[in-house]
Structures are given as C-alpha cells and as structure tokens.
Protein backbone atom coordinates (compact mmCIF):
# COMPACT_ATOMS: atom_id res chain seq x y z
CA MET A 1 245.52 -112.33 -54.05
CA PRO A 2 247.28 -112.16 -57.47
CA TYR A 3 244.58 -110.87 -59.83
CA ASN A 4 244.71 -111.70 -63.54
CA ASN A 5 246.77 -108.99 -65.23
CA LEU A 6 249.51 -108.18 -67.74
CA THR A 7 252.02 -105.38 -67.90
CA LEU A 8 252.89 -102.82 -70.55
CA SER A 9 256.58 -101.74 -70.58
CA SER A 10 258.38 -98.89 -72.27
CA SER A 11 261.41 -99.78 -74.40
CA ASN A 12 263.80 -98.25 -71.87
CA GLY A 13 262.11 -99.78 -68.85
CA ASP A 14 261.28 -96.38 -67.28
CA ILE A 15 257.54 -97.08 -67.17
CA VAL A 16 255.72 -100.30 -66.29
CA ILE A 17 251.87 -100.27 -66.39
CA THR A 18 249.57 -102.92 -64.95
CA VAL A 19 246.31 -103.72 -66.78
CA TYR A 20 243.90 -105.82 -64.76
CA LEU A 21 242.10 -108.07 -67.24
CA PRO A 22 238.35 -108.59 -67.54
CA ASN A 23 236.42 -111.84 -67.76
CA GLY A 24 236.89 -114.24 -70.64
CA VAL A 25 240.32 -113.28 -72.04
CA ASP A 26 241.85 -116.63 -71.06
CA ALA A 27 241.13 -119.69 -68.95
CA GLY A 28 242.61 -118.14 -65.77
CA ALA A 29 240.22 -115.16 -66.02
CA ASN A 30 237.02 -117.12 -66.20
CA SER A 31 236.68 -117.30 -62.39
CA PRO A 32 235.45 -114.04 -60.83
CA ASP A 33 237.80 -114.75 -57.90
CA ASN A 34 240.77 -114.04 -60.21
CA LEU A 35 239.37 -110.71 -61.47
CA TYR A 36 240.34 -107.40 -59.94
CA TYR A 37 236.92 -105.94 -60.88
CA TYR A 38 233.72 -107.85 -61.42
CA SER A 39 230.98 -105.40 -60.50
CA SER A 40 228.29 -103.29 -62.17
CA ARG A 41 229.54 -99.66 -62.39
CA PHE A 42 232.83 -99.18 -64.18
CA GLU A 43 233.95 -100.49 -67.58
CA HIS A 44 235.62 -103.88 -66.98
CA GLY A 45 238.24 -103.10 -69.67
CA SER A 46 239.45 -99.84 -68.07
CA MET A 47 241.28 -101.11 -64.97
CA ILE A 48 244.68 -99.54 -65.54
CA GLY A 49 246.75 -98.86 -62.43
CA ASN A 50 249.86 -99.51 -60.38
CA ILE A 51 251.94 -97.49 -62.85
CA GLN A 52 255.64 -97.63 -61.99
CA ILE A 53 257.80 -94.61 -62.98
CA ARG A 54 261.59 -94.98 -62.70
CA ARG A 55 263.28 -92.39 -60.49
CA PRO A 56 266.58 -90.72 -61.63
CA GLN A 57 269.67 -92.40 -60.14
CA SER A 58 272.82 -90.68 -59.03
CA SER A 59 275.67 -90.77 -61.57
CA SER A 60 278.39 -90.06 -58.99
CA THR A 61 281.77 -91.77 -59.66
CA SER A 62 284.57 -92.96 -57.42
CA ASN A 63 288.36 -93.27 -57.85
CA ASP A 64 288.29 -96.53 -55.94
CA ASP A 65 288.60 -99.40 -58.42
CA ASP A 66 286.68 -101.71 -56.04
CA ASP A 67 283.80 -99.24 -55.88
CA ALA A 68 283.83 -98.88 -59.64
CA ALA A 69 283.59 -102.60 -60.03
CA GLN A 70 280.50 -102.82 -57.89
CA ALA A 71 277.17 -103.42 -59.70
CA PRO A 72 274.90 -100.38 -59.97
CA SER A 73 272.11 -100.06 -57.44
CA PRO A 74 268.73 -101.43 -58.46
CA PRO A 75 266.34 -98.90 -59.92
CA GLN A 76 263.75 -97.25 -57.71
CA TYR A 77 260.23 -96.41 -58.85
CA HIS A 78 257.36 -94.13 -57.93
CA THR A 79 253.98 -95.90 -57.85
CA LEU A 80 251.11 -93.94 -59.39
CA TYR A 81 247.41 -94.91 -59.26
CA GLY A 82 248.17 -97.59 -56.67
CA THR A 83 245.88 -100.13 -55.03
CA ASN A 84 246.82 -99.81 -51.36
CA LEU A 85 244.72 -96.81 -50.33
CA TRP A 86 241.40 -96.97 -52.15
CA ARG A 87 238.60 -99.12 -50.69
CA ILE A 88 240.70 -101.37 -48.51
CA PRO A 89 240.30 -104.29 -48.06
CA HIS A 90 239.61 -104.74 -51.77
CA ASN A 91 236.33 -106.31 -52.86
CA SER A 92 236.12 -107.16 -56.52
CA ASN A 93 232.31 -107.26 -56.45
CA TRP A 94 231.82 -103.78 -54.98
CA PRO A 95 230.92 -101.08 -57.54
CA GLU A 96 233.36 -98.50 -56.27
CA SER A 97 236.38 -100.88 -56.22
CA GLY A 98 238.01 -99.64 -59.42
CA VAL A 99 241.64 -98.71 -59.90
CA GLY A 100 243.58 -95.99 -61.71
CA LEU A 101 241.90 -94.97 -64.99
CA ALA A 102 238.68 -96.85 -64.30
CA SER A 103 236.00 -95.20 -66.47
CA GLU A 104 232.22 -95.24 -66.51
CA PHE A 105 229.40 -94.60 -69.01
CA GLY A 106 227.09 -92.49 -66.83
CA VAL A 107 227.21 -89.48 -64.57
CA GLY A 108 228.00 -91.17 -61.23
CA ASP A 109 224.61 -90.39 -59.78
CA GLU A 110 221.23 -92.13 -59.08
CA GLY A 111 218.51 -92.65 -61.70
CA ASP A 112 218.52 -94.17 -65.20
CA PHE A 113 217.57 -91.10 -67.22
CA CYS A 114 217.80 -87.34 -67.33
CA TYR A 115 214.92 -85.94 -69.30
CA TYR A 116 215.71 -82.21 -69.63
CA ARG A 117 218.23 -79.49 -68.75
CA CYS A 118 221.06 -81.99 -68.23
CA GLY A 119 224.65 -80.95 -67.70
CA TRP A 120 226.47 -77.86 -68.96
CA SER A 121 224.73 -77.82 -72.34
CA GLN A 122 221.25 -78.29 -70.81
CA ALA A 123 220.66 -81.29 -73.10
CA SER A 124 217.66 -83.61 -72.97
CA ASP A 125 217.08 -87.34 -72.88
CA ILE A 126 220.46 -88.47 -71.50
CA THR A 127 220.79 -92.07 -70.26
CA ASN A 128 222.86 -92.83 -67.19
CA GLY A 129 224.91 -95.39 -69.12
CA VAL A 130 222.05 -97.97 -69.14
CA LEU A 131 219.95 -99.23 -72.01
CA GLY A 132 216.47 -100.82 -71.83
CA TYR A 133 216.15 -100.10 -68.12
CA LYS A 134 212.66 -98.52 -68.24
CA ARG A 135 211.16 -101.30 -70.27
CA ALA A 136 212.65 -104.13 -68.17
CA ARG A 137 210.58 -105.45 -65.28
CA ALA A 138 212.03 -106.63 -62.00
CA GLY A 139 214.04 -109.80 -62.68
CA GLU A 140 214.54 -108.99 -66.38
CA ALA A 141 217.76 -107.89 -68.07
CA PHE A 142 219.03 -104.38 -68.95
CA LEU A 143 222.39 -103.22 -70.33
CA LYS A 144 225.08 -101.16 -68.62
CA VAL A 145 227.49 -99.93 -71.29
CA GLY A 146 231.01 -101.35 -70.67
CA VAL A 147 229.66 -103.78 -68.08
CA GLY A 148 227.13 -106.08 -69.78
CA ALA A 149 223.70 -107.45 -69.05
CA LEU A 150 222.41 -106.94 -65.50
CA ILE A 151 219.21 -108.00 -63.73
CA LYS A 152 216.84 -105.25 -62.70
CA GLY A 153 215.91 -105.15 -59.00
CA THR A 154 218.77 -107.36 -57.77
CA CYS A 155 220.93 -104.69 -56.06
CA PRO A 156 220.92 -104.38 -52.23
CA ALA A 157 219.72 -100.73 -52.48
CA CYS A 158 216.93 -101.49 -54.99
CA ASP A 159 213.44 -100.62 -53.80
CA SER A 160 209.88 -100.24 -54.98
CA THR A 161 210.69 -96.97 -56.79
CA GLU A 162 212.70 -99.02 -59.29
CA ASP A 163 215.23 -96.21 -59.62
CA TYR A 164 218.60 -97.20 -61.03
CA LYS A 165 221.24 -97.34 -58.24
CA PHE A 166 224.62 -96.64 -59.88
CA ASN A 167 226.70 -97.48 -56.79
CA SER A 168 224.94 -100.66 -55.65
CA PRO A 169 225.99 -104.06 -57.13
CA TYR A 170 223.55 -105.73 -59.57
CA MET A 171 223.59 -109.42 -60.46
CA PHE A 172 224.72 -110.35 -63.98
CA ALA A 173 222.20 -111.76 -66.37
CA GLU A 174 225.12 -113.54 -68.05
CA PRO A 175 228.89 -113.27 -67.59
CA PRO A 176 230.40 -110.58 -69.75
CA GLN A 177 232.91 -111.83 -72.35
CA TRP A 178 235.96 -109.94 -73.52
CA LYS A 179 238.57 -110.57 -76.19
CA LEU A 180 242.27 -109.61 -75.79
CA THR A 181 244.78 -108.80 -78.49
CA LYS A 182 248.44 -108.03 -77.53
CA LEU A 183 250.57 -105.51 -79.45
CA SER A 184 254.17 -106.72 -79.31
CA LYS A 185 255.91 -105.22 -82.37
CA ARG A 186 256.99 -101.63 -82.54
CA GLY A 187 256.36 -101.65 -86.24
CA GLY A 188 252.60 -101.93 -85.62
CA GLY A 189 252.27 -105.67 -85.76
CA SER A 190 249.98 -107.51 -83.33
CA SER A 191 249.83 -110.92 -81.76
CA SER A 192 247.28 -112.85 -79.78
CA GLY A 193 250.04 -114.90 -78.14
CA GLY A 194 252.50 -114.06 -75.45
CA ALA A 195 255.49 -111.76 -76.01
CA ASN A 196 258.42 -110.83 -73.83
CA SER A 197 257.75 -107.11 -74.19
CA ILE A 198 254.18 -105.86 -74.63
CA TYR A 199 253.73 -102.13 -75.37
CA GLY A 200 249.96 -102.25 -76.03
CA ILE A 201 246.79 -104.26 -75.94
CA THR A 202 243.25 -104.12 -77.26
CA LEU A 203 240.18 -105.34 -75.30
CA GLU A 204 236.83 -105.87 -77.08
CA HIS A 205 233.36 -106.62 -75.67
CA GLN A 206 229.77 -106.40 -76.92
CA ALA A 207 226.29 -106.99 -75.55
CA ALA A 208 222.75 -106.85 -77.00
CA LEU A 209 219.19 -106.81 -75.67
CA ARG A 210 216.49 -107.26 -78.29
CA PRO A 211 216.97 -105.38 -81.61
CA GLU A 212 216.47 -102.02 -79.94
CA HIS A 213 219.54 -102.02 -77.66
CA GLY A 214 223.12 -103.13 -78.07
CA TYR A 215 226.70 -101.88 -78.16
CA LYS A 216 230.23 -102.85 -79.07
CA LEU A 217 233.13 -101.43 -77.00
CA GLN A 218 236.83 -101.43 -77.77
CA LYS A 219 239.55 -100.23 -75.39
CA GLN A 220 243.11 -99.85 -76.74
CA MET A 221 246.02 -99.07 -74.39
CA VAL A 222 249.33 -98.21 -76.08
CA LEU A 223 252.67 -96.80 -74.93
CA VAL A 224 253.15 -94.58 -77.97
CA GLN A 225 256.35 -93.14 -76.44
CA ASP A 226 258.49 -94.26 -73.56
CA ASN A 227 256.70 -91.77 -71.29
CA VAL A 228 253.31 -91.45 -72.98
CA LEU A 229 250.28 -93.77 -72.59
CA GLU A 230 247.21 -93.44 -74.82
CA VAL A 231 243.89 -95.07 -73.94
CA THR A 232 241.48 -95.04 -76.83
CA THR A 233 237.77 -95.80 -76.38
CA THR A 234 235.64 -96.76 -79.40
CA LEU A 235 231.88 -97.31 -78.93
CA THR A 236 229.37 -98.47 -81.53
CA ASN A 237 225.60 -98.43 -81.14
CA LEU A 238 224.40 -101.87 -82.36
CA GLY A 239 220.76 -101.15 -81.56
CA THR A 240 217.97 -99.78 -83.71
CA LEU A 241 217.27 -96.90 -81.27
CA PRO A 242 219.53 -93.87 -80.74
CA PHE A 243 220.88 -92.98 -77.34
CA SER A 244 222.93 -90.32 -75.60
CA THR A 245 225.22 -90.97 -72.65
CA VAL A 246 227.98 -89.45 -70.60
CA TRP A 247 231.52 -90.89 -70.27
CA TYR A 248 234.30 -90.06 -67.82
CA SER A 249 237.44 -91.50 -66.26
CA HIS A 250 237.35 -91.52 -62.48
CA ASN A 251 241.14 -91.11 -62.24
CA PHE A 252 241.76 -92.87 -58.87
CA PHE A 253 245.05 -91.05 -58.38
CA SER A 254 247.48 -91.48 -55.52
CA CYS A 255 251.26 -91.47 -55.37
CA ASP A 256 253.58 -93.77 -53.44
CA ASP A 257 250.70 -94.81 -51.21
CA ARG A 258 250.66 -91.44 -49.49
CA ALA A 259 247.34 -90.17 -48.24
CA VAL A 260 245.94 -87.17 -50.14
CA GLY A 261 247.35 -84.07 -48.53
CA PRO A 262 250.16 -81.47 -48.89
CA GLY A 263 252.04 -82.00 -52.12
CA TYR A 264 249.00 -83.02 -54.12
CA ALA A 265 247.81 -80.46 -56.68
CA VAL A 266 245.94 -80.29 -60.00
CA ASP A 267 245.79 -77.70 -62.80
CA MET A 268 242.48 -77.96 -64.65
CA ASP A 269 241.28 -76.78 -68.04
CA LEU A 270 239.05 -74.27 -66.31
CA THR A 271 239.87 -70.58 -66.09
CA LEU A 272 239.78 -67.67 -63.66
CA GLN A 273 240.93 -64.06 -63.67
CA ASN A 274 244.36 -63.80 -62.00
CA ASP A 275 243.70 -60.30 -60.62
CA ARG A 276 240.62 -61.65 -58.78
CA ALA A 277 242.20 -64.80 -57.49
CA SER A 278 242.31 -63.38 -53.94
CA ASP A 279 238.63 -62.32 -54.02
CA ASP A 280 236.86 -64.92 -51.93
CA HIS A 281 233.40 -64.13 -53.33
CA TYR A 282 234.69 -64.47 -56.86
CA ILE A 283 236.31 -67.85 -56.09
CA ASP A 284 233.16 -69.09 -54.49
CA GLN A 285 231.21 -68.46 -57.71
CA LEU A 286 233.48 -70.78 -59.71
CA TYR A 287 232.10 -73.96 -58.21
CA SER A 288 229.40 -75.47 -56.04
CA GLU A 289 229.28 -78.23 -53.43
CA PRO A 290 225.70 -79.50 -53.42
CA GLY A 291 226.47 -82.43 -51.11
CA THR A 292 228.02 -80.24 -48.34
CA TRP A 293 224.95 -80.39 -46.09
CA SER A 294 224.45 -84.16 -46.42
CA TRP A 295 227.63 -86.19 -47.13
CA SER A 296 230.34 -83.94 -48.56
CA THR A 297 232.91 -81.73 -46.75
CA PRO A 298 233.86 -78.26 -48.17
CA LEU A 299 237.04 -78.32 -50.24
CA LEU A 300 238.50 -75.25 -48.51
CA GLU A 301 238.76 -77.20 -45.19
CA TYR A 302 241.63 -79.17 -46.68
CA GLY A 303 242.88 -77.22 -49.71
CA ARG A 304 242.61 -73.97 -51.67
CA ILE A 305 241.81 -72.71 -55.15
CA VAL A 306 244.41 -70.48 -56.75
CA ALA A 307 245.52 -69.31 -60.14
CA ALA A 308 247.87 -71.69 -61.95
CA ARG A 309 251.35 -70.39 -62.73
CA ALA A 310 251.63 -69.02 -66.26
CA ALA A 311 254.81 -71.05 -66.89
CA ASP A 312 252.93 -74.28 -66.22
CA VAL A 313 250.11 -73.75 -68.72
CA VAL A 314 249.87 -76.70 -71.11
CA PHE A 315 246.33 -76.27 -72.44
CA GLY A 316 244.13 -73.38 -73.47
CA SER A 317 247.25 -71.25 -74.30
CA SER A 318 245.22 -68.99 -76.62
CA ASP A 319 243.20 -67.79 -73.66
CA TYR A 320 246.32 -66.40 -71.97
CA GLU A 321 247.06 -63.66 -74.45
CA ASP A 322 245.64 -61.03 -72.10
CA GLY A 323 248.11 -62.05 -69.32
CA ASN A 324 245.31 -62.16 -66.78
CA THR A 325 243.41 -65.39 -67.60
CA ARG A 326 244.79 -68.45 -65.82
CA ASN A 327 243.83 -72.04 -65.29
CA ILE A 328 242.29 -73.05 -61.96
CA ARG A 329 244.69 -74.79 -59.63
CA VAL A 330 243.71 -76.78 -56.51
CA GLU A 331 246.40 -77.33 -53.92
CA MET A 332 246.08 -79.39 -50.74
CA ASP A 333 246.95 -77.82 -47.42
CA ARG A 334 246.47 -80.76 -45.02
CA THR A 335 245.97 -84.53 -45.09
CA VAL A 336 242.41 -85.64 -45.71
CA ASP A 337 240.99 -87.35 -42.60
CA PRO A 338 239.55 -90.89 -42.73
CA GLY A 339 235.86 -90.91 -43.73
CA ILE A 340 235.96 -87.45 -45.33
CA ARG A 341 234.51 -87.12 -48.85
CA ILE A 342 234.80 -83.92 -50.91
CA LYS A 343 233.05 -83.21 -54.23
CA SER A 344 233.27 -79.87 -56.04
CA GLU A 345 231.28 -79.22 -59.21
CA PHE A 346 232.63 -76.40 -61.33
CA VAL A 347 230.35 -74.01 -63.21
CA PRO A 348 230.06 -74.37 -67.02
CA GLN A 349 233.00 -73.15 -69.12
CA PRO A 350 232.29 -73.84 -72.80
CA ASN A 351 235.92 -73.67 -73.90
CA SER A 352 237.08 -76.49 -71.61
CA GLN A 353 238.06 -79.83 -73.17
CA GLY A 354 238.66 -81.66 -69.90
CA ALA A 355 242.50 -81.45 -69.70
CA PHE A 356 244.31 -81.42 -66.40
CA VAL A 357 247.83 -81.85 -64.86
CA LEU A 358 248.34 -83.86 -61.63
CA GLU A 359 251.27 -83.33 -59.31
CA ALA A 360 252.40 -85.39 -56.34
CA CYS A 361 255.58 -86.99 -54.85
CA ARG A 362 257.97 -85.48 -57.39
CA THR A 363 255.90 -86.63 -60.40
CA ARG A 364 253.74 -84.84 -62.92
CA ILE A 365 251.09 -86.36 -65.18
CA GLN A 366 249.62 -84.31 -68.04
CA ASN A 367 246.14 -85.58 -69.12
CA THR A 368 244.60 -84.38 -72.42
CA PHE A 369 241.68 -85.71 -74.46
CA ARG A 370 240.97 -85.66 -78.17
CA MET A 371 238.18 -86.79 -80.52
CA ASN A 372 239.16 -89.30 -83.23
CA THR A 373 235.85 -89.33 -85.09
CA PRO A 374 235.78 -87.49 -88.47
CA GLN A 375 233.77 -84.21 -88.48
CA GLU A 376 234.10 -84.02 -84.70
CA ASN A 377 237.11 -82.23 -83.23
CA LYS A 378 235.64 -80.93 -80.00
CA PHE A 379 233.98 -82.53 -77.00
CA ASP A 380 230.55 -81.63 -75.76
CA MET A 381 231.42 -81.17 -72.04
CA TYR A 382 228.75 -82.38 -69.63
CA ALA A 383 230.44 -81.43 -66.33
CA TYR A 384 233.78 -80.99 -64.64
CA ASN A 385 234.05 -82.29 -61.07
CA LEU A 386 236.80 -82.87 -58.49
CA TYR A 387 236.39 -85.73 -56.06
CA LEU A 388 238.66 -86.24 -53.07
CA GLU A 389 239.07 -88.79 -50.29
CA ARG A 390 242.03 -89.89 -48.30
CA GLY A 391 242.83 -92.50 -50.88
CA THR A 392 242.11 -90.65 -54.15
CA PHE A 393 242.66 -87.30 -55.83
CA SER A 394 240.26 -87.42 -58.75
CA PRO A 395 239.65 -84.82 -61.48
CA GLU A 396 236.50 -85.91 -63.34
CA PRO A 397 235.82 -84.11 -66.63
CA GLN A 398 232.67 -85.63 -68.11
CA MET A 399 231.92 -85.80 -71.86
CA LEU A 400 228.53 -86.15 -73.54
CA PHE A 401 228.05 -88.33 -76.64
CA HIS A 402 225.09 -88.86 -78.94
CA PHE A 403 224.82 -92.13 -80.92
CA ALA A 404 222.48 -92.71 -83.81
CA ALA A 405 221.57 -96.32 -84.73
CA GLY A 406 224.73 -97.99 -86.01
CA GLU A 407 226.95 -94.98 -85.27
CA THR A 408 230.55 -95.31 -84.03
CA LYS A 409 232.57 -92.74 -82.10
CA SER A 410 236.12 -92.80 -80.83
CA TRP A 411 238.18 -90.66 -78.40
CA THR A 412 241.56 -90.86 -76.68
CA GLN A 413 242.86 -90.05 -73.18
CA ARG A 414 246.60 -89.23 -73.38
CA LEU A 415 248.82 -89.34 -70.28
CA GLU A 416 252.37 -87.94 -70.39
CA PHE A 417 254.54 -88.79 -67.35
CA GLU A 418 257.55 -87.00 -66.00
CA THR A 419 259.55 -86.84 -62.80
CA LEU A 420 260.36 -83.52 -61.20
CA GLU A 421 263.41 -84.66 -59.24
CA SER A 422 267.00 -84.53 -60.41
CA GLU A 423 269.72 -87.11 -60.17
CA ASP A 424 271.32 -85.16 -57.29
CA ASP A 425 268.18 -85.31 -55.10
CA ASP A 426 268.44 -87.42 -51.95
CA LYS A 427 266.90 -90.74 -52.55
CA GLU A 428 263.98 -92.11 -50.57
CA THR A 429 262.91 -95.74 -50.40
CA THR A 430 259.43 -96.02 -51.77
CA THR A 431 257.20 -97.75 -49.28
CA THR A 432 253.79 -99.31 -49.49
CA GLU A 433 252.88 -98.06 -46.00
CA PRO A 434 250.42 -95.12 -46.07
CA SER A 435 251.76 -91.95 -44.47
CA ASP A 436 249.59 -89.33 -42.81
CA ASN A 437 252.48 -86.84 -42.84
CA PRO A 438 254.12 -87.08 -46.33
CA ASP A 439 257.46 -85.47 -46.93
CA VAL A 440 256.98 -82.38 -49.05
CA SER A 441 260.47 -80.91 -48.67
CA TRP A 442 260.96 -81.57 -52.37
CA LEU A 443 258.63 -78.72 -53.26
CA THR A 444 261.08 -76.07 -54.39
CA ALA A 445 260.33 -72.41 -54.92
CA SER A 446 259.85 -73.05 -58.64
CA LEU A 447 257.08 -75.59 -57.87
CA ARG A 448 255.02 -73.75 -55.35
CA ARG A 449 253.70 -70.27 -54.76
CA PRO A 450 255.43 -67.90 -52.29
CA LEU A 451 254.73 -68.89 -48.70
CA SER A 452 253.45 -65.48 -47.83
CA HIS A 453 250.88 -65.66 -50.65
CA GLN A 454 249.92 -69.22 -49.62
CA LYS A 455 249.16 -68.12 -46.10
CA THR A 456 247.27 -65.07 -47.29
CA GLN A 457 245.31 -67.08 -49.86
CA ARG A 458 244.53 -69.93 -47.33
CA HIS A 459 243.42 -67.47 -44.66
CA SER A 460 241.48 -65.38 -47.18
CA SER A 461 239.59 -68.33 -48.71
CA SER A 462 238.92 -70.29 -45.50
CA SER A 463 238.31 -67.33 -43.22
CA TRP A 464 235.47 -66.00 -45.38
CA ARG A 465 233.61 -69.30 -45.15
CA THR A 466 234.48 -69.51 -41.43
CA GLU A 467 233.12 -66.01 -40.87
CA MET A 468 229.99 -66.88 -42.85
CA THR A 469 229.46 -69.97 -40.68
CA GLN A 470 230.06 -68.05 -37.46
CA SER A 471 227.75 -65.27 -38.66
CA SER A 472 224.98 -67.83 -39.45
CA THR A 473 225.50 -69.49 -36.06
CA MET A 474 225.32 -66.12 -34.26
CA THR A 475 222.17 -65.15 -36.23
CA VAL A 476 220.38 -68.36 -35.26
CA GLY A 477 221.46 -68.02 -31.64
CA ALA A 478 220.22 -64.40 -31.54
CA CYS A 479 216.85 -65.49 -32.95
CA TRP A 480 216.44 -68.15 -30.29
CA PHE A 481 217.44 -65.64 -27.58
CA VAL A 482 214.77 -63.17 -28.77
CA ILE A 483 212.13 -65.96 -28.87
CA VAL A 484 212.93 -67.13 -25.35
CA LEU A 485 213.04 -63.52 -24.03
CA CYS A 486 209.65 -62.76 -25.61
CA SER A 487 208.14 -65.91 -24.15
CA CYS A 488 209.42 -65.07 -20.68
CA TYR A 489 207.99 -61.55 -20.99
CA ILE A 490 204.57 -62.91 -22.07
CA VAL A 491 204.51 -65.40 -19.16
CA LEU A 492 205.50 -62.62 -16.74
CA MET A 493 202.75 -60.33 -17.98
CA VAL A 494 200.12 -63.07 -17.66
CA VAL A 495 201.18 -63.93 -14.11
CA THR A 496 201.28 -60.23 -13.15
CA LYS A 497 197.79 -59.67 -14.52
CA LEU A 498 196.42 -62.64 -12.64
CA ASN A 499 198.03 -61.46 -9.40
CA ASN A 500 196.53 -57.99 -9.89
CA LYS A 501 193.06 -59.47 -10.38
CA SER A 502 193.46 -61.65 -7.25
CA SER A 503 194.54 -58.63 -5.19
CA GLN A 504 191.54 -56.59 -6.38
CA ARG A 505 189.17 -59.38 -5.41
CA ARG A 506 190.72 -59.70 -1.95
CA LEU A 507 190.37 -55.97 -1.42
CA GLN A 508 186.70 -56.11 -2.54
CA TYR A 509 185.99 -58.96 -0.07
CA THR A 510 187.54 -57.00 2.78
CA ARG A 511 185.31 -54.03 2.03
CA ILE A 512 182.21 -56.22 1.90
CA GLU A 513 183.10 -57.82 5.24
CA ASN A 514 183.35 -54.38 6.77
CA VAL A 515 179.92 -53.45 5.43
CA VAL A 516 178.34 -56.46 7.06
CA ASP A 517 179.67 -55.64 10.57
CA GLY A 518 182.65 -57.94 10.27
CA GLU A 519 180.68 -61.20 10.13
CA GLU A 520 182.83 -64.04 8.88
CA ASP A 521 180.43 -66.95 9.35
CA TYR A 522 179.60 -67.44 5.73
CA GLU A 523 177.54 -70.33 4.63
CA ASP A 524 179.47 -70.36 1.32
CA ASN A 525 183.14 -69.66 1.80
CA THR A 526 183.92 -69.49 -1.92
CA ASP A 527 184.55 -66.29 -3.79
CA ASP A 528 181.12 -66.33 -5.34
CA GLY A 529 179.52 -67.10 -1.95
CA ARG A 530 181.29 -64.18 -0.29
CA GLN A 531 180.12 -61.82 -2.97
CA GLN A 532 176.44 -63.08 -2.70
CA TYR A 533 176.42 -62.90 1.13
CA GLY A 534 177.72 -59.28 1.19
CA TYR A 535 175.12 -58.29 -1.44
CA GLN A 536 172.29 -59.70 0.70
CA LYS A 537 173.48 -57.84 3.84
CA GLN A 538 173.61 -54.59 1.94
CA GLN A 539 169.97 -55.14 0.81
CA GLU A 540 168.78 -55.80 4.40
CA GLN A 541 170.37 -52.65 5.79
CA GLN A 542 168.93 -50.51 3.06
CA GLN A 543 165.43 -51.86 3.95
C-alpha cells in the first residue's frame, strides 16, 4: 500500500529521504488507512526512513566511439532504515510498527510513572511520556506526548491494575491533527505548497487536557548539507503543572534489507580501557541484560564487545589523551535468528552525550546530539541501551528533560552519511530480498580488527559465559545427585533396620517354641499370640 509521504532530496541527488506523514496534513492523510503509523507509542511526526544513498559509479572509459556514445548506467543506491524487515507484514495500528528514526517520549517500559531512583541520575518523579494518566478513570482521556489524547483502559493488555502498557495499542479520544510546512528554498524561505525539490519540512502538533496538562511539539527535518540530515525536536509545556520525561530515538536501522549479522557494527559514546578489552570479567561489568532469563538472549551469543579503533573516534576525543581509553564497539559475528530479541543496558557513564556511529553494507552513519536551548549545553542522560532483532540494529541513548509550566526546550539529532566503497569496487545490485548470509567481503583490513584478535576476543568473551553456564549446570546436577544418593541411603538404612528387627523376632519365636516342647498348635498365630502362649508355658513349667 502506498502510504502518504514526501521525500527530501539533496541538491546533487546523492541522498533521498522518505518522511511518512502523520494525520491531518492534507486531505489524503485524513484516513488512517493511508498513514504508515497510526498507533499509540511513537511520535507520529518522527517516521523518517527508506533513506537512499547513492553508490559510487565506475569512471572507466573506452576508446570505442560507440561505447562512449552510450548513456551512463543508472545510479544505484543503498537503502538504510528500510521497511522490509521490521514487523512484517506491516500494521499501521500496532505500537511497534515504527520506521527509521521513530522516536518516543518515555522509557520503552511498562508503568506510567517512576517515583524515585530513576535512570542514571537516580532522578525522581519521571513520567513515562504520559500526562494525566493517574487522574483519568477507565474510559477517560490522558495524553501521550507526540501521539495525542488516548482513552484509558482501551488497550488489549489493559487490566484491573490500570498500569500503563506502553506497547499495547490504545484507542484515540480524538484524531491527532498535524500541520505541515515545506522548506523549498536554499536561502531559508518556506512554502506550504508543493515544490519540485524539497530539502526540509516542519511538522507541528499540540494537545491539551484540562488546564493542568498540555504540550506543543514541533519536528523539523532539514538536509543542511548534501550528506547531512538534522532532525530538531522542540517541545513546550502548555499545562500549569511541571513534568519530567525521557526522550529517545529507536533507530530502526537495517541496510539493503539484510538481516542483522556479520558486517553490522556500532561505536558508542561509552568508554572502556583498551588494555582490559580482553578481560571477560571487566567487559561483563560494562553492561547488564536484565531480560535474559525471561525474553532476551545474551548479546555475546551473536556478537562481541571490543574497543573501537582509535582512528575511528569521532566523539569524546578529549578522553583519548591517555591513549588507553576507547569507545565501546559492538560487532556482530553471526546472523540473528528469527524470534531472537537482545537488549543490553550499559552502566552509567556521566560523560556520554549519546553519540554513536553505525556501519553496515559499505555505509557509515555518524549520529550526534546537541541541545539548542540557551543555558543548556549538555544532556542529562537517562540510559544507554542497545536493542537487536533480525530486522533492526538499534542504539538507544535516552535523554531526560524537565519542563516547568510554559517552558520550551529544543534539541537536534544530526546524521552524517558516507559510503565506504570506492568507484573501483565491484558493483552489486541492491535487492529487497532479505539475506541470511550477507556478503561481507567488502570489509577490508582497515575496517575490521585482525582476524586472530577477533577469534581470540570472540572465544574469550563467549567461552567465559559458556563456562559459567556449564559450571552452573554441573553444580545443579551434582546437588541433585547428592540428594538422590542420600535418599537412597536413608531408604536402605530403614529397610535394613526393619529386616534386622524381623530376624530378631523370628529367632525369639523359635526359642520360645523350643521351650514349650515344640508345640505349634497356637490358638493365636499372630506375633503377639505366639509371645503370650510361650510366656504361659514357661509359667506352668516353673510351677
């Protein structure tokens, strides 16, 4: 289905970006059937995906006049943040069905409020992106920032606890309305009408619930250079009450519709000590995986954590003066299997500002964040997570914001795109068919660590966890063996004791029978009868 969208194009045609439009921007968008996303989790104005990056073309020449007269071959493109791998078939009404840079106000977890010791800074009173939820009764409206007014208790997962379910679809109290402005002049002019070449747009939306709660949200997407996209978020608290909330971009990243696996990597604005990068216990202390025993799979079953190469550092350069501090790099070793979900939560690092660099299929995307609000030049980081599935490779730096009544704050996510292939590289035809075995022959020595170190690091990181698992299994097995052995011993002792008592009684009865001249005509043939009869005979003989 062709969903309502428009495209942003660089002046040289090297980058084409698709923006899927929210409800209300024109007549064709008023039907939810035409909207790529119409659910209750992600901001409706943040659906930026299917980014096309032109691949270098060969510049070879020929002496043949006929060949020289031929038209140049059509350009080929890499597809980043595509739509053919994530949550297929697509359902616009499902909360998870975002695309590309889809962002959320909230922490991506259950519950409407965190009261104390929240996130890296151990803050208090943090809303999960919802306003007026506690006060609302079932059937009444509450606000989800960036989504609009929703009806409490209408989600399939809702129950008597009345907890907010971030990943279950709520019904809308009223359709959210957005306004679109197109930027079509390089000199900074704007137009609400159509233009042949659009390099930026602005989307605006607001919602209110009584005087206490309300917000105004603006999303601006601009190609500030031919290879640089900036997405600026501006949020205003329209209510009379202050609130604090978390924001993050999910970054549903994939490349050329290839399943997440070898060739995918990310350098994050998180640090480790290079001389301890081979220490498994040290690496294990850098992050946690709280969902491992319920729904999540350990990261090291499919990838590894290593030190980023010093030459590739693009953020936190001041931390590298000692020559030993490096950024954390995650590299994939094998293709993620269907149904596998991986979530790693990294420990607090106060100097981080959420930056990261993604690599896959001969492309590289540098992501940085900056505050635009006066008097604020640094983010209050709430968390830094990495989420993986077969169809997405998602770094998730989360930022915490505090809004007083009437206060406005603004911040920008900047993406710089580049291709890592040269004009002399063999060309491949980009396909929309997912591949379980992506071609990674393009990874040259300058783009990957030495093979010997990779094998050592992979074995070192994974073997320690494997040994721990085997050790735990052996310990449990040994405990059960000891329990069974003790039980058998106890049963054996009880049976032996009973047999000994029975033998003693039989011996006693034999002696009694001998005393009474071998008579066996007992009136009572029970054990107690035998004992009583022998006692009477002994008394008669004594008399």
